[in-house]
N, C-alpha and C. Protein backbone atom coordinates (compact mmCIF):
# COMPACT_ATOMS: atom_id res chain seq x y z
N MET A 1 -34.04 95.11 3.77
CA MET A 1 -33.95 94.97 2.33
C MET A 1 -33.09 96.08 1.73
N LYS A 2 -33.25 97.29 2.26
CA LYS A 2 -32.44 98.40 1.75
C LYS A 2 -30.96 98.16 1.97
N GLN A 3 -30.63 97.51 3.09
CA GLN A 3 -29.22 97.21 3.37
C GLN A 3 -28.65 96.27 2.31
N ALA A 4 -29.43 95.28 1.94
CA ALA A 4 -28.98 94.33 0.92
C ALA A 4 -28.80 95.04 -0.42
N ILE A 5 -29.72 95.90 -0.77
CA ILE A 5 -29.63 96.64 -2.03
C ILE A 5 -28.42 97.55 -2.01
N ASN A 6 -28.20 98.24 -0.90
CA ASN A 6 -27.04 99.13 -0.79
C ASN A 6 -25.74 98.33 -0.87
N ALA A 7 -25.69 97.19 -0.22
CA ALA A 7 -24.49 96.34 -0.27
C ALA A 7 -24.22 95.89 -1.70
N TYR A 8 -25.28 95.50 -2.42
CA TYR A 8 -25.13 95.09 -3.81
C TYR A 8 -24.57 96.23 -4.65
N HIS A 9 -25.12 97.42 -4.48
CA HIS A 9 -24.64 98.57 -5.25
C HIS A 9 -23.19 98.91 -4.91
N GLN A 10 -22.80 98.75 -3.68
CA GLN A 10 -21.41 99.02 -3.30
C GLN A 10 -20.46 98.02 -3.94
N ILE A 11 -20.88 96.79 -4.01
CA ILE A 11 -20.03 95.74 -4.60
C ILE A 11 -19.90 95.94 -6.10
N THR A 12 -21.02 96.27 -6.76
CA THR A 12 -21.01 96.35 -8.23
C THR A 12 -20.27 97.55 -8.77
N VAL A 13 -19.94 98.52 -7.94
CA VAL A 13 -19.20 99.69 -8.44
C VAL A 13 -17.70 99.50 -8.31
N THR A 14 -17.25 98.42 -7.70
CA THR A 14 -15.81 98.23 -7.54
C THR A 14 -15.18 97.87 -8.88
N PRO A 15 -13.96 98.31 -9.11
CA PRO A 15 -13.27 97.98 -10.36
C PRO A 15 -13.10 96.47 -10.54
N GLU A 16 -12.88 95.75 -9.45
CA GLU A 16 -12.70 94.30 -9.55
C GLU A 16 -13.98 93.63 -10.07
N PHE A 17 -15.11 94.06 -9.55
CA PHE A 17 -16.38 93.48 -9.98
C PHE A 17 -16.63 93.80 -11.45
N ARG A 18 -16.41 95.05 -11.83
CA ARG A 18 -16.64 95.43 -13.23
C ARG A 18 -15.73 94.66 -14.17
N GLU A 19 -14.48 94.46 -13.78
CA GLU A 19 -13.56 93.70 -14.62
C GLU A 19 -13.99 92.24 -14.73
N ALA A 20 -14.40 91.65 -13.61
CA ALA A 20 -14.87 90.26 -13.65
C ALA A 20 -16.11 90.14 -14.53
N GLU A 21 -17.00 91.09 -14.44
CA GLU A 21 -18.22 91.06 -15.28
C GLU A 21 -17.85 91.24 -16.75
N ARG A 22 -16.90 92.12 -17.03
CA ARG A 22 -16.46 92.33 -18.42
C ARG A 22 -15.86 91.04 -18.98
N LEU A 23 -15.06 90.35 -18.17
CA LEU A 23 -14.44 89.10 -18.63
C LEU A 23 -15.48 88.01 -18.84
N ARG A 24 -16.49 87.94 -17.97
CA ARG A 24 -17.57 86.96 -18.15
C ARG A 24 -18.33 87.23 -19.45
N GLU A 25 -18.63 88.50 -19.70
CA GLU A 25 -19.35 88.86 -20.92
C GLU A 25 -18.51 88.54 -22.16
N MET A 26 -17.22 88.79 -22.09
CA MET A 26 -16.34 88.48 -23.22
C MET A 26 -16.28 86.97 -23.46
N ALA A 27 -16.25 86.20 -22.40
CA ALA A 27 -16.23 84.74 -22.53
C ALA A 27 -17.52 84.24 -23.17
N ARG A 28 -18.66 84.79 -22.75
CA ARG A 28 -19.94 84.39 -23.37
C ARG A 28 -19.95 84.74 -24.85
N HIS A 29 -19.46 85.92 -25.19
CA HIS A 29 -19.42 86.34 -26.59
C HIS A 29 -18.50 85.43 -27.41
N ASN A 30 -17.32 85.14 -26.87
CA ASN A 30 -16.36 84.29 -27.58
C ASN A 30 -16.91 82.88 -27.79
N GLU A 31 -17.61 82.35 -26.79
CA GLU A 31 -18.19 81.02 -26.93
C GLU A 31 -19.27 81.01 -28.01
N ALA A 32 -20.11 82.03 -28.01
CA ALA A 32 -21.17 82.11 -29.03
C ALA A 32 -20.56 82.25 -30.42
N ALA A 33 -19.53 83.04 -30.55
CA ALA A 33 -18.87 83.22 -31.84
C ALA A 33 -18.22 81.92 -32.31
N ALA A 34 -17.60 81.19 -31.40
CA ALA A 34 -16.96 79.92 -31.77
C ALA A 34 -18.01 78.90 -32.23
N LEU A 35 -19.13 78.84 -31.53
CA LEU A 35 -20.20 77.92 -31.94
C LEU A 35 -20.77 78.30 -33.30
N ARG A 36 -20.97 79.60 -33.52
CA ARG A 36 -21.49 80.08 -34.80
C ARG A 36 -20.52 79.75 -35.93
N ASN A 37 -19.23 79.96 -35.69
CA ASN A 37 -18.23 79.65 -36.72
C ASN A 37 -18.17 78.16 -37.01
N ALA A 38 -18.24 77.34 -35.99
CA ALA A 38 -18.22 75.88 -36.20
C ALA A 38 -19.43 75.44 -37.01
N LYS A 39 -20.58 76.01 -36.71
CA LYS A 39 -21.79 75.67 -37.44
C LYS A 39 -21.67 76.09 -38.91
N ASN A 40 -21.13 77.28 -39.16
CA ASN A 40 -20.95 77.74 -40.53
C ASN A 40 -19.95 76.89 -41.29
N GLU A 41 -18.88 76.48 -40.63
CA GLU A 41 -17.89 75.61 -41.27
C GLU A 41 -18.51 74.27 -41.64
N ALA A 42 -19.32 73.72 -40.76
CA ALA A 42 -19.98 72.45 -41.04
C ALA A 42 -20.91 72.59 -42.24
N ARG A 43 -21.65 73.67 -42.28
CA ARG A 43 -22.54 73.91 -43.43
C ARG A 43 -21.76 73.99 -44.73
N GLN A 44 -20.64 74.71 -44.70
CA GLN A 44 -19.83 74.85 -45.90
C GLN A 44 -19.27 73.50 -46.36
N GLU A 45 -18.87 72.66 -45.41
CA GLU A 45 -18.38 71.33 -45.75
C GLU A 45 -19.48 70.51 -46.41
N ILE A 46 -20.68 70.56 -45.85
CA ILE A 46 -21.81 69.80 -46.41
C ILE A 46 -22.14 70.30 -47.80
N ILE A 47 -22.16 71.63 -47.97
CA ILE A 47 -22.45 72.20 -49.29
C ILE A 47 -21.41 71.75 -50.30
N ALA A 48 -20.14 71.77 -49.92
CA ALA A 48 -19.08 71.35 -50.84
C ALA A 48 -19.23 69.88 -51.22
N LEU A 49 -19.59 69.05 -50.24
CA LEU A 49 -19.79 67.63 -50.53
C LEU A 49 -20.98 67.41 -51.45
N LEU A 50 -22.05 68.15 -51.23
CA LEU A 50 -23.23 68.01 -52.09
C LEU A 50 -22.94 68.50 -53.51
N LYS A 51 -22.15 69.55 -53.63
CA LYS A 51 -21.80 70.07 -54.96
C LYS A 51 -20.84 69.15 -55.70
N SER A 52 -20.20 68.25 -54.99
CA SER A 52 -19.24 67.34 -55.62
C SER A 52 -19.93 66.29 -56.48
N GLY A 53 -21.25 66.24 -56.43
CA GLY A 53 -21.99 65.29 -57.25
C GLY A 53 -22.26 63.97 -56.57
N LYS A 54 -21.86 63.85 -55.34
CA LYS A 54 -22.11 62.61 -54.61
C LYS A 54 -23.57 62.54 -54.18
N SER A 55 -24.04 61.33 -53.99
CA SER A 55 -25.41 61.16 -53.52
C SER A 55 -25.51 61.61 -52.07
N PRO A 56 -26.69 61.99 -51.62
CA PRO A 56 -26.85 62.40 -50.22
C PRO A 56 -26.38 61.32 -49.24
N GLU A 57 -26.57 60.06 -49.59
CA GLU A 57 -26.14 58.98 -48.71
C GLU A 57 -24.60 58.98 -48.58
N GLU A 58 -23.91 59.19 -49.71
CA GLU A 58 -22.44 59.25 -49.68
C GLU A 58 -21.97 60.44 -48.86
N VAL A 59 -22.66 61.55 -49.02
CA VAL A 59 -22.29 62.76 -48.26
C VAL A 59 -22.45 62.50 -46.77
N ILE A 60 -23.55 61.89 -46.41
CA ILE A 60 -23.81 61.61 -44.99
C ILE A 60 -22.73 60.69 -44.46
N LYS A 61 -22.40 59.63 -45.20
CA LYS A 61 -21.36 58.70 -44.75
C LYS A 61 -20.01 59.40 -44.60
N GLU A 62 -19.67 60.25 -45.57
CA GLU A 62 -18.39 60.95 -45.53
C GLU A 62 -18.36 61.98 -44.40
N TYR A 63 -19.46 62.67 -44.20
CA TYR A 63 -19.52 63.70 -43.18
C TYR A 63 -19.58 63.11 -41.78
N ASP A 64 -20.17 61.95 -41.68
CA ASP A 64 -20.38 61.30 -40.38
C ASP A 64 -19.09 60.71 -39.82
N THR A 65 -18.08 60.53 -40.66
CA THR A 65 -16.84 59.93 -40.17
C THR A 65 -15.85 60.95 -39.70
């Protein structure tokens, strides 16, 4: 078991591993940010449609297309 732990520690200290991990973390962050932005944009569109005075049914029909 100690050999496996030592091998893991040797691999994780390499610059290549750290760079790959940094890129994976950046990709996760970028994906989360893109989803959050898309959700906020959708909310803003719905709010604008509701403020336009249209009925909720009209808003749903317009937003659904």
